[in-house]
N, C-alpha and C. Protein backbone atom coordinates (compact mmCIF):
# COMPACT_ATOMS: atom_id res chain seq x y z
N UNK A 1 0.83 -1.19 0.00
CA UNK A 1 0.00 0.00 0.00
C UNK A 1 0.88 1.26 0.00
N UNK A 2 2.05 1.16 0.61
CA UNK A 2 2.94 2.31 0.67
C UNK A 2 3.29 2.80 -0.73
N UNK A 3 3.61 1.90 -1.63
CA UNK A 3 3.97 2.32 -3.00
C UNK A 3 2.79 3.01 -3.68
N UNK A 4 1.59 2.49 -3.50
CA UNK A 4 0.41 3.12 -4.08
C UNK A 4 0.24 4.54 -3.56
N UNK A 5 0.36 4.73 -2.26
CA UNK A 5 0.18 6.05 -1.65
C UNK A 5 1.27 7.00 -2.13
N UNK A 6 2.50 6.52 -2.19
CA UNK A 6 3.59 7.38 -2.68
C UNK A 6 3.34 7.82 -4.11
N UNK A 7 2.86 6.93 -4.96
CA UNK A 7 2.54 7.31 -6.35
C UNK A 7 1.39 8.31 -6.38
N UNK A 8 0.35 8.05 -5.58
CA UNK A 8 -0.83 8.92 -5.57
C UNK A 8 -0.48 10.32 -5.08
N UNK A 9 0.46 10.41 -4.15
CA UNK A 9 0.82 11.71 -3.58
C UNK A 9 2.06 12.31 -4.24
N UNK A 10 2.54 11.64 -5.30
CA UNK A 10 3.72 12.11 -6.04
C UNK A 10 4.94 12.27 -5.12
N UNK A 11 5.16 11.28 -4.29
CA UNK A 11 6.33 11.27 -3.42
C UNK A 11 7.38 10.39 -4.09
N UNK A 12 8.44 11.01 -4.57
CA UNK A 12 9.44 10.24 -5.30
C UNK A 12 10.63 9.85 -4.43
N UNK A 13 10.91 10.64 -3.42
CA UNK A 13 12.01 10.32 -2.51
C UNK A 13 11.44 10.21 -1.11
N UNK A 14 11.73 9.10 -0.46
CA UNK A 14 11.12 8.85 0.84
C UNK A 14 12.12 8.13 1.74
N UNK A 15 12.79 8.89 2.61
CA UNK A 15 13.70 8.22 3.55
C UNK A 15 12.93 7.30 4.49
N UNK A 16 13.64 6.42 5.15
CA UNK A 16 13.02 5.40 6.00
C UNK A 16 12.10 6.01 7.06
N UNK A 17 12.53 7.09 7.67
CA UNK A 17 11.71 7.73 8.71
C UNK A 17 10.38 8.22 8.14
N UNK A 18 10.43 8.79 6.95
CA UNK A 18 9.20 9.27 6.31
C UNK A 18 8.32 8.09 5.89
N UNK A 19 8.93 7.01 5.43
CA UNK A 19 8.18 5.81 5.06
C UNK A 19 7.46 5.25 6.29
N UNK A 20 8.13 5.25 7.43
CA UNK A 20 7.49 4.79 8.66
C UNK A 20 6.30 5.67 9.01
N UNK A 21 6.48 6.97 8.88
CA UNK A 21 5.40 7.92 9.17
C UNK A 21 4.22 7.69 8.20
N UNK A 22 4.52 7.49 6.92
CA UNK A 22 3.48 7.22 5.94
C UNK A 22 2.74 5.92 6.27
N UNK A 23 3.48 4.89 6.65
CA UNK A 23 2.84 3.62 7.01
C UNK A 23 1.90 3.80 8.19
N UNK A 24 2.31 4.60 9.17
CA UNK A 24 1.43 4.87 10.31
C UNK A 24 0.17 5.61 9.87
N UNK A 25 0.32 6.57 8.97
CA UNK A 25 -0.83 7.32 8.46
C UNK A 25 -1.74 6.43 7.63
N UNK A 26 -1.16 5.53 6.88
CA UNK A 26 -1.95 4.58 6.09
C UNK A 26 -2.76 3.68 7.02
N UNK A 27 -2.13 3.15 8.04
CA UNK A 27 -2.84 2.29 8.99
C UNK A 27 -3.98 3.05 9.68
N UNK A 28 -3.71 4.29 10.06
CA UNK A 28 -4.76 5.10 10.70
C UNK A 28 -5.90 5.35 9.72
N UNK A 29 -5.58 5.63 8.47
CA UNK A 29 -6.61 5.86 7.45
C UNK A 29 -7.42 4.60 7.19
N UNK A 30 -6.76 3.48 7.12
CA UNK A 30 -7.48 2.22 6.91
C UNK A 30 -8.42 1.95 8.07
N UNK A 31 -7.94 2.16 9.29
CA UNK A 31 -8.80 1.94 10.46
C UNK A 31 -10.00 2.89 10.43
N UNK A 32 -9.77 4.14 10.06
CA UNK A 32 -10.86 5.11 9.99
C UNK A 32 -11.89 4.68 8.94
N UNK A 33 -11.45 4.33 7.75
CA UNK A 33 -12.38 3.97 6.68
C UNK A 33 -13.05 2.62 6.92
N UNK A 34 -12.36 1.72 7.59
CA UNK A 34 -12.95 0.41 7.89
C UNK A 34 -14.06 0.50 8.93
N UNK A 35 -14.18 1.63 9.63
CA UNK A 35 -15.33 1.82 10.51
C UNK A 35 -16.61 1.89 9.67
N UNK A 36 -16.48 2.32 8.43
CA UNK A 36 -17.64 2.47 7.56
C UNK A 36 -17.85 1.24 6.68
N UNK A 37 -16.79 0.53 6.35
CA UNK A 37 -16.88 -0.73 5.61
C UNK A 37 -15.72 -1.61 6.05
N UNK A 38 -15.97 -2.49 7.01
CA UNK A 38 -14.89 -3.32 7.55
C UNK A 38 -14.36 -4.39 6.58
N UNK A 39 -14.99 -4.53 5.44
CA UNK A 39 -14.59 -5.57 4.50
C UNK A 39 -13.88 -5.01 3.27
N UNK A 40 -13.25 -3.87 3.39
CA UNK A 40 -12.55 -3.26 2.26
C UNK A 40 -11.38 -4.14 1.85
N UNK A 41 -11.29 -4.41 0.56
CA UNK A 41 -10.16 -5.14 -0.01
C UNK A 41 -9.19 -4.08 -0.53
N UNK A 42 -8.18 -3.77 0.27
CA UNK A 42 -7.29 -2.65 -0.03
C UNK A 42 -6.49 -2.85 -1.30
N UNK A 43 -6.32 -4.08 -1.74
CA UNK A 43 -5.56 -4.32 -2.96
C UNK A 43 -6.38 -4.09 -4.22
N UNK A 44 -7.70 -4.18 -4.13
CA UNK A 44 -8.53 -4.14 -5.33
C UNK A 44 -9.65 -3.11 -5.32
N UNK A 45 -9.93 -2.50 -4.22
CA UNK A 45 -11.08 -1.60 -4.11
C UNK A 45 -10.75 -0.23 -4.71
N UNK A 46 -11.25 0.01 -5.91
CA UNK A 46 -10.94 1.25 -6.63
C UNK A 46 -11.72 2.45 -6.12
N UNK A 47 -12.60 2.26 -5.17
CA UNK A 47 -13.29 3.37 -4.52
C UNK A 47 -12.59 3.75 -3.22
N UNK A 48 -12.15 2.77 -2.47
CA UNK A 48 -11.56 3.02 -1.16
C UNK A 48 -10.09 3.44 -1.25
N UNK A 49 -9.35 2.89 -2.19
CA UNK A 49 -7.92 3.21 -2.28
C UNK A 49 -7.66 4.69 -2.53
N UNK A 50 -8.32 5.32 -3.49
CA UNK A 50 -8.09 6.76 -3.67
C UNK A 50 -8.55 7.57 -2.46
N UNK A 51 -9.58 7.11 -1.80
CA UNK A 51 -10.05 7.79 -0.59
C UNK A 51 -9.00 7.69 0.51
N UNK A 52 -8.35 6.56 0.61
CA UNK A 52 -7.26 6.40 1.57
C UNK A 52 -6.11 7.35 1.23
N UNK A 53 -5.78 7.47 -0.04
CA UNK A 53 -4.72 8.39 -0.45
C UNK A 53 -5.06 9.82 -0.05
N UNK A 54 -6.31 10.20 -0.24
CA UNK A 54 -6.73 11.55 0.16
C UNK A 54 -6.68 11.73 1.66
N UNK A 55 -7.04 10.69 2.41
CA UNK A 55 -6.93 10.74 3.87
C UNK A 55 -5.49 11.05 4.26
N UNK A 56 -4.54 10.32 3.68
CA UNK A 56 -3.14 10.53 4.01
C UNK A 56 -2.70 11.93 3.60
N UNK A 57 -3.15 12.39 2.44
CA UNK A 57 -2.81 13.75 1.99
C UNK A 57 -3.29 14.78 3.02
N UNK A 58 -4.49 14.65 3.49
CA UNK A 58 -5.04 15.59 4.46
C UNK A 58 -4.31 15.51 5.80
N UNK A 59 -4.00 14.29 6.24
CA UNK A 59 -3.27 14.13 7.51
C UNK A 59 -1.89 14.78 7.41
N UNK A 60 -1.23 14.60 6.27
CA UNK A 60 0.09 15.19 6.09
C UNK A 60 0.02 16.72 6.11
N UNK A 61 -1.13 17.27 5.76
CA UNK A 61 -1.32 18.72 5.76
C UNK A 61 -1.94 19.21 7.08
N UNK A 62 -2.02 18.33 8.07
CA UNK A 62 -2.65 18.66 9.36
C UNK A 62 -4.09 19.14 9.19
N UNK A 63 -4.82 18.47 8.32
CA UNK A 63 -6.20 18.87 8.03
C UNK A 63 -7.15 17.68 8.07
N UNK A 64 -6.92 16.78 9.00
CA UNK A 64 -7.73 15.56 9.06
C UNK A 64 -9.22 15.87 9.21
N UNK A 65 -9.57 16.84 10.04
CA UNK A 65 -10.98 17.19 10.22
C UNK A 65 -11.60 17.70 8.92
N UNK A 66 -10.83 18.38 8.11
CA UNK A 66 -11.33 18.85 6.81
C UNK A 66 -11.60 17.67 5.88
N UNK A 67 -10.82 16.61 6.00
CA UNK A 67 -11.06 15.41 5.20
C UNK A 67 -12.46 14.89 5.44
N UNK A 68 -12.83 14.78 6.71
CA UNK A 68 -14.16 14.26 7.05
C UNK A 68 -15.26 15.12 6.43
N UNK A 69 -15.07 16.41 6.44
CA UNK A 69 -16.09 17.31 5.86
C UNK A 69 -16.09 17.26 4.34
N UNK A 70 -14.92 17.32 3.74
CA UNK A 70 -14.82 17.39 2.28
C UNK A 70 -15.14 16.08 1.59
N UNK A 71 -14.97 14.97 2.28
CA UNK A 71 -15.22 13.66 1.67
C UNK A 71 -16.38 12.94 2.33
N UNK A 72 -17.27 13.69 2.94
CA UNK A 72 -18.41 13.09 3.64
C UNK A 72 -19.21 12.16 2.72
N UNK A 73 -19.51 12.59 1.51
CA UNK A 73 -20.30 11.77 0.59
C UNK A 73 -19.60 10.46 0.26
N UNK A 74 -18.30 10.53 0.02
CA UNK A 74 -17.55 9.33 -0.32
C UNK A 74 -17.46 8.37 0.88
N UNK A 75 -17.28 8.94 2.06
CA UNK A 75 -17.23 8.12 3.28
C UNK A 75 -18.58 7.45 3.50
N UNK A 76 -19.64 8.21 3.34
CA UNK A 76 -20.99 7.66 3.47
C UNK A 76 -21.23 6.56 2.44
N UNK A 77 -20.68 6.73 1.26
CA UNK A 77 -20.83 5.73 0.21
C UNK A 77 -20.23 4.38 0.64
N UNK A 78 -19.12 4.42 1.37
CA UNK A 78 -18.54 3.17 1.86
C UNK A 78 -19.52 2.43 2.77
N UNK A 79 -20.18 3.18 3.63
CA UNK A 79 -21.13 2.56 4.56
C UNK A 79 -22.36 2.05 3.83
N UNK A 80 -22.85 2.81 2.89
CA UNK A 80 -24.10 2.42 2.22
C UNK A 80 -23.89 1.30 1.22
N UNK A 81 -22.74 1.20 0.63
CA UNK A 81 -22.53 0.10 -0.33
C UNK A 81 -22.56 -1.24 0.39
N UNK A 82 -22.06 -1.28 1.62
CA UNK A 82 -22.12 -2.52 2.40
C UNK A 82 -23.57 -2.85 2.75
N UNK A 83 -24.32 -1.84 3.13
CA UNK A 83 -25.73 -2.05 3.45
C UNK A 83 -26.48 -2.50 2.20
N UNK A 84 -26.13 -1.93 1.05
CA UNK A 84 -26.77 -2.31 -0.20
C UNK A 84 -26.47 -3.74 -0.59
N UNK A 85 -25.22 -4.16 -0.39
CA UNK A 85 -24.87 -5.54 -0.74
C UNK A 85 -25.50 -6.53 0.22
N UNK A 86 -25.70 -6.13 1.47
CA UNK A 86 -26.37 -7.01 2.43
C UNK A 86 -27.82 -7.21 2.03
N UNK A 87 -28.45 -6.18 1.51
CA UNK A 87 -29.82 -6.29 1.04
C UNK A 87 -29.94 -7.21 -0.16
N UNK A 88 -28.96 -7.16 -1.04
CA UNK A 88 -28.94 -8.03 -2.21
C UNK A 88 -28.77 -9.48 -1.79
N UNK A 89 -27.89 -9.73 -0.82
CA UNK A 89 -27.70 -11.10 -0.35
C UNK A 89 -28.95 -11.64 0.31
N UNK A 90 -29.69 -10.80 1.01
CA UNK A 90 -30.90 -11.26 1.67
C UNK A 90 -32.00 -11.61 0.67
N UNK A 91 -31.99 -10.97 -0.50
CA UNK A 91 -33.00 -11.24 -1.53
C UNK A 91 -32.82 -12.60 -2.16
N UNK A 92 -31.56 -13.11 -2.17
CA UNK A 92 -31.30 -14.39 -2.82
C UNK A 92 -31.73 -15.49 -1.96
């Protein structure tokens, strides 16, 4: 996931200390987003991965609270897609 985030944020040079900090931010972002959809497949989810990159971007800018406000619809979408898929499974 670190390589994906570095590409998304255009980080070309990353010393070990910065990589550790990024990994911590990635883990925090994953934990935050998994509150809304605990079954995110981080390797393949093309909706959640860019959202995670934006989370890290905002955290790096000390604007985490702004992330919640600016991406409210996308965050809500994570929660509702799980509810929607549960409804589909119940219909079968």
